[in-house]
């Protein structure tokens, strides 16, 4: 089970371990935290879409709200696993709750980013492409695990990198009134997510192929 966990240095931080231990002592289940991650993503997506209907300072506020929601979603992703594993609250259906919410949250946020850019004609199809490829990165990883391979979390655009990029783009875009081309940063982030996710899918596919071939020879 632990070999299939995403390696995260933040798990080793004392404050994170302390909060996870505190949650473990409450009547909070890992599955509830996983569901909460989708709610945070939905709130972030709504903030992104709404920001596309605003201008100036109001748009900036909603972009900051979106960035905060993205980070809350990632914290939920962190603590559901820590409460389950370190807190000893694993459930038989835990793997479903660990994976399915991510497959909902990622596309929600990436597609919403396209709706935050009404002035860019290519934004929506770039967002849909990025969302599709983001799901594919996870599909290839899970497929490899189903074939008996170790979970492959390699990038360059795994979930953590996608959400870090999107968070940074939202924060920088909050200062759009200072730039010559409002929305450009978010638009560029969509291009990077699409290209990076495509490369990630390719790298994981090649990695799975090589491992399977080596296993066949052995």
Protein backbone atom coordinates (compact mmCIF):
# COMPACT_ATOMS: atom_id res chain seq x y z
CA UNK A 1 0.00 0.00 0.00
CA UNK A 2 2.70 2.48 0.99
CA UNK A 3 4.68 1.70 -2.20
CA UNK A 4 1.75 3.09 -4.18
CA UNK A 5 1.71 6.39 -2.29
CA UNK A 6 2.88 9.55 -3.96
CA UNK A 7 6.26 10.51 -2.42
CA UNK A 8 5.79 13.87 -0.68
CA UNK A 9 8.40 15.55 1.52
CA UNK A 10 5.68 17.61 3.17
CA UNK A 11 4.47 14.46 4.98
CA UNK A 12 7.62 14.56 7.09
CA UNK A 13 6.97 18.06 8.40
CA UNK A 14 6.13 18.16 12.10
CA UNK A 15 3.17 20.49 11.71
CA UNK A 16 1.58 18.22 9.09
CA UNK A 17 2.10 15.13 11.21
CA UNK A 18 0.67 16.91 14.22
CA UNK A 19 -2.46 18.02 12.39
CA UNK A 20 -2.94 14.58 10.85
CA UNK A 21 -2.65 13.02 14.32
CA UNK A 22 -5.20 15.53 15.64
CA UNK A 23 -7.61 14.63 12.82
CA UNK A 24 -7.07 10.93 13.48
CA UNK A 25 -8.27 11.37 17.05
CA UNK A 26 -11.52 12.95 15.87
CA UNK A 27 -14.53 11.34 14.24
CA UNK A 28 -13.22 12.32 10.82
CA UNK A 29 -12.68 9.56 8.28
CA UNK A 30 -10.20 9.58 5.38
CA UNK A 31 -13.10 9.10 2.97
CA UNK A 32 -14.80 12.24 4.26
CA UNK A 33 -11.60 14.20 3.72
CA UNK A 34 -11.39 12.82 0.17
CA UNK A 35 -14.93 14.01 -0.56
CA UNK A 36 -14.06 17.40 0.92
CA UNK A 37 -11.25 17.69 -1.64
CA UNK A 38 -13.85 17.60 -4.43
CA UNK A 39 -15.90 20.28 -2.67
CA UNK A 40 -12.79 22.47 -2.47
CA UNK A 41 -12.09 21.85 -6.16
CA UNK A 42 -15.69 22.68 -7.04
CA UNK A 43 -15.43 25.93 -5.08
CA UNK A 44 -12.15 26.75 -6.83
CA UNK A 45 -13.66 25.99 -10.23
CA UNK A 46 -16.66 28.21 -9.47
CA UNK A 47 -14.29 31.02 -8.43
CA UNK A 48 -12.36 30.65 -11.68
CA UNK A 49 -15.49 30.72 -13.82
CA UNK A 50 -16.84 33.71 -11.91
CA UNK A 51 -13.53 35.55 -12.27
CA UNK A 52 -14.01 35.36 -16.03
CA UNK A 53 -17.16 37.47 -15.67
CA UNK A 54 -15.43 40.16 -13.59
CA UNK A 55 -12.89 42.90 -14.26
CA UNK A 56 -10.29 44.74 -12.23
CA UNK A 57 -10.17 44.22 -8.48
CA UNK A 58 -13.19 41.89 -8.32
CA UNK A 59 -11.58 39.53 -10.82
CA UNK A 60 -8.38 39.58 -8.75
CA UNK A 61 -10.26 38.65 -5.58
CA UNK A 62 -11.90 35.63 -7.21
CA UNK A 63 -8.57 34.47 -8.64
CA UNK A 64 -7.03 34.56 -5.16
CA UNK A 65 -10.04 32.61 -3.84
CA UNK A 66 -9.46 30.03 -6.58
CA UNK A 67 -5.78 29.72 -5.62
CA UNK A 68 -6.71 29.16 -1.97
CA UNK A 69 -9.27 26.50 -2.90
CA UNK A 70 -6.70 24.67 -5.03
CA UNK A 71 -4.32 24.55 -2.08
CA UNK A 72 -7.09 23.40 0.26
CA UNK A 73 -7.85 20.62 -2.19
CA UNK A 74 -4.19 19.54 -2.08
CA UNK A 75 -4.19 19.61 1.71
CA UNK A 76 -7.23 17.32 1.70
CA UNK A 77 -5.34 15.00 -0.65
CA UNK A 78 -2.46 14.99 1.81
CA UNK A 79 -4.44 14.44 4.99
CA UNK A 80 -6.80 11.74 3.72
CA UNK A 81 -3.80 9.48 3.13
CA UNK A 82 -2.07 10.43 6.37
CA UNK A 83 -5.20 9.85 8.46
CA UNK A 84 -5.74 6.53 6.70
CA UNK A 85 -2.18 5.22 6.92
CA UNK A 86 -0.51 6.88 9.89
CA UNK A 87 -3.80 7.22 11.76
CA UNK A 88 -4.80 3.61 11.18
CA UNK A 89 -8.18 4.48 9.67
CA UNK A 90 -7.95 2.57 6.39
CA UNK A 91 -11.22 1.28 4.95
CA UNK A 92 -11.91 -1.47 2.38
CA UNK A 93 -13.15 1.15 -0.11
CA UNK A 94 -10.35 3.58 0.70
CA UNK A 95 -8.61 3.17 -2.67
CA UNK A 96 -11.77 4.30 -4.46
CA UNK A 97 -12.04 7.40 -2.30
CA UNK A 98 -8.33 8.03 -2.72
CA UNK A 99 -8.41 7.99 -6.53
CA UNK A 100 -11.87 8.91 -7.84
CA UNK A 101 -12.08 12.38 -6.23
CA UNK A 102 -8.80 13.31 -7.92
CA UNK A 103 -10.20 12.30 -11.30
CA UNK A 104 -13.08 14.71 -10.68
CA UNK A 105 -11.12 17.56 -9.10
CA UNK A 106 -8.37 17.90 -11.71
CA UNK A 107 -10.66 18.32 -14.74
CA UNK A 108 -12.97 20.63 -12.79
CA UNK A 109 -10.17 23.09 -12.07
CA UNK A 110 -8.43 22.89 -15.43
CA UNK A 111 -11.62 23.23 -17.49
CA UNK A 112 -12.76 26.11 -15.28
CA UNK A 113 -9.49 27.86 -16.08
CA UNK A 114 -10.63 27.99 -19.71
CA UNK A 115 -13.86 29.71 -18.70
CA UNK A 116 -11.82 32.28 -16.77
CA UNK A 117 -10.42 33.52 -20.09
CA UNK A 118 -13.33 34.75 -22.23
CA UNK A 119 -10.97 36.94 -24.25
CA UNK A 120 -8.90 33.98 -25.51
CA UNK A 121 -10.62 31.91 -28.21
CA UNK A 122 -8.31 28.93 -27.75
CA UNK A 123 -8.62 28.85 -23.95
CA UNK A 124 -11.54 26.44 -23.69
CA UNK A 125 -10.21 23.78 -26.04
CA UNK A 126 -6.79 24.07 -24.40
CA UNK A 127 -8.46 23.58 -21.02
CA UNK A 128 -10.40 20.52 -22.19
CA UNK A 129 -7.24 19.07 -23.75
CA UNK A 130 -5.29 19.68 -20.56
CA UNK A 131 -8.05 18.08 -18.48
CA UNK A 132 -8.15 15.00 -20.72
CA UNK A 133 -4.39 14.55 -20.58
CA UNK A 134 -4.39 15.11 -16.81
CA UNK A 135 -6.82 12.21 -16.41
CA UNK A 136 -4.69 10.13 -18.79
CA UNK A 137 -1.62 10.58 -16.58
CA UNK A 138 -3.51 8.91 -13.74
CA UNK A 139 -5.02 6.27 -16.05
CA UNK A 140 -1.58 5.13 -17.21
CA UNK A 141 -0.32 5.01 -13.61
CA UNK A 142 -3.30 2.97 -12.38
CA UNK A 143 -3.11 0.69 -15.43
CA UNK A 144 0.52 -0.02 -14.62
CA UNK A 145 -0.37 -0.89 -11.03
CA UNK A 146 -3.12 -3.23 -12.25
CA UNK A 147 -0.46 -5.02 -14.32
CA UNK A 148 1.68 -5.53 -11.24
CA UNK A 149 4.03 -2.58 -11.72
CA UNK A 150 4.95 -0.06 -9.02
CA UNK A 151 3.01 3.19 -9.12
CA UNK A 152 4.71 5.66 -11.45
CA UNK A 153 4.39 9.24 -10.21
CA UNK A 154 7.00 10.75 -12.54
CA UNK A 155 6.36 14.11 -14.20
CA UNK A 156 7.08 16.57 -15.62
CA UNK A 157 3.42 17.44 -15.04
CA UNK A 158 2.01 15.17 -12.33
CA UNK A 159 -0.84 16.32 -10.11
CA UNK A 160 1.36 18.31 -7.73
CA UNK A 161 3.04 20.18 -10.58
CA UNK A 162 -0.26 20.89 -12.34
CA UNK A 163 -1.86 22.32 -9.24
CA UNK A 164 1.26 24.29 -8.27
CA UNK A 165 1.34 25.82 -11.73
CA UNK A 166 -2.37 26.62 -11.66
CA UNK A 167 -2.08 28.15 -8.18
CA UNK A 168 0.84 30.31 -9.22
CA UNK A 169 -0.94 31.38 -12.40
CA UNK A 170 -4.03 32.41 -10.42
CA UNK A 171 -1.97 34.45 -7.95
CA UNK A 172 0.02 36.19 -10.69
CA UNK A 173 -3.13 36.77 -12.72
CA UNK A 174 -4.62 38.60 -9.75
CA UNK A 175 -2.21 41.37 -10.75
CA UNK A 176 -3.52 41.40 -14.33
CA UNK A 177 -4.51 45.09 -14.07
CA UNK A 178 -0.77 45.86 -14.02
CA UNK A 179 0.03 43.93 -17.21
CA UNK A 180 -0.43 44.88 -20.83
CA UNK A 181 -2.32 41.66 -21.66
CA UNK A 182 -4.77 40.51 -18.95
CA UNK A 183 -5.29 36.75 -18.89
CA UNK A 184 -2.04 35.93 -20.66
CA UNK A 185 -0.51 34.16 -17.65
CA UNK A 186 -3.48 31.82 -17.19
CA UNK A 187 -3.55 31.12 -20.93
CA UNK A 188 0.15 30.23 -20.98
CA UNK A 189 -0.37 27.98 -17.93
CA UNK A 190 -3.00 26.02 -19.88
CA UNK A 191 -0.53 25.47 -22.71
CA UNK A 192 2.12 24.28 -20.24
CA UNK A 193 -0.36 21.95 -18.50
CA UNK A 194 -1.42 20.41 -21.82
CA UNK A 195 2.11 19.91 -23.14
CA UNK A 196 3.51 18.81 -19.78
CA UNK A 197 0.67 16.34 -19.16
CA UNK A 198 1.13 14.90 -22.65
CA UNK A 199 4.83 14.36 -21.95
CA UNK A 200 3.97 12.80 -18.60
CA UNK A 201 1.60 10.32 -20.25
CA UNK A 202 4.28 9.43 -22.79
CA UNK A 203 6.99 8.97 -20.16
CA UNK A 204 4.77 6.76 -18.00
CA UNK A 205 3.68 4.67 -20.99
CA UNK A 206 7.28 4.12 -22.07
CA UNK A 207 8.26 3.32 -18.48
CA UNK A 208 5.45 0.77 -18.15
CA UNK A 209 6.35 -0.81 -21.49
CA UNK A 210 10.02 -1.18 -20.56
CA UNK A 211 9.22 -2.66 -17.15
CA UNK A 212 6.79 -5.17 -18.66
CA UNK A 213 9.31 -6.16 -21.32
CA UNK A 214 12.04 -6.67 -18.71
CA UNK A 215 9.67 -8.71 -16.57
CA UNK A 216 8.85 -10.90 -19.57
CA UNK A 217 12.53 -11.55 -20.24
CA UNK A 218 13.24 -12.41 -16.61
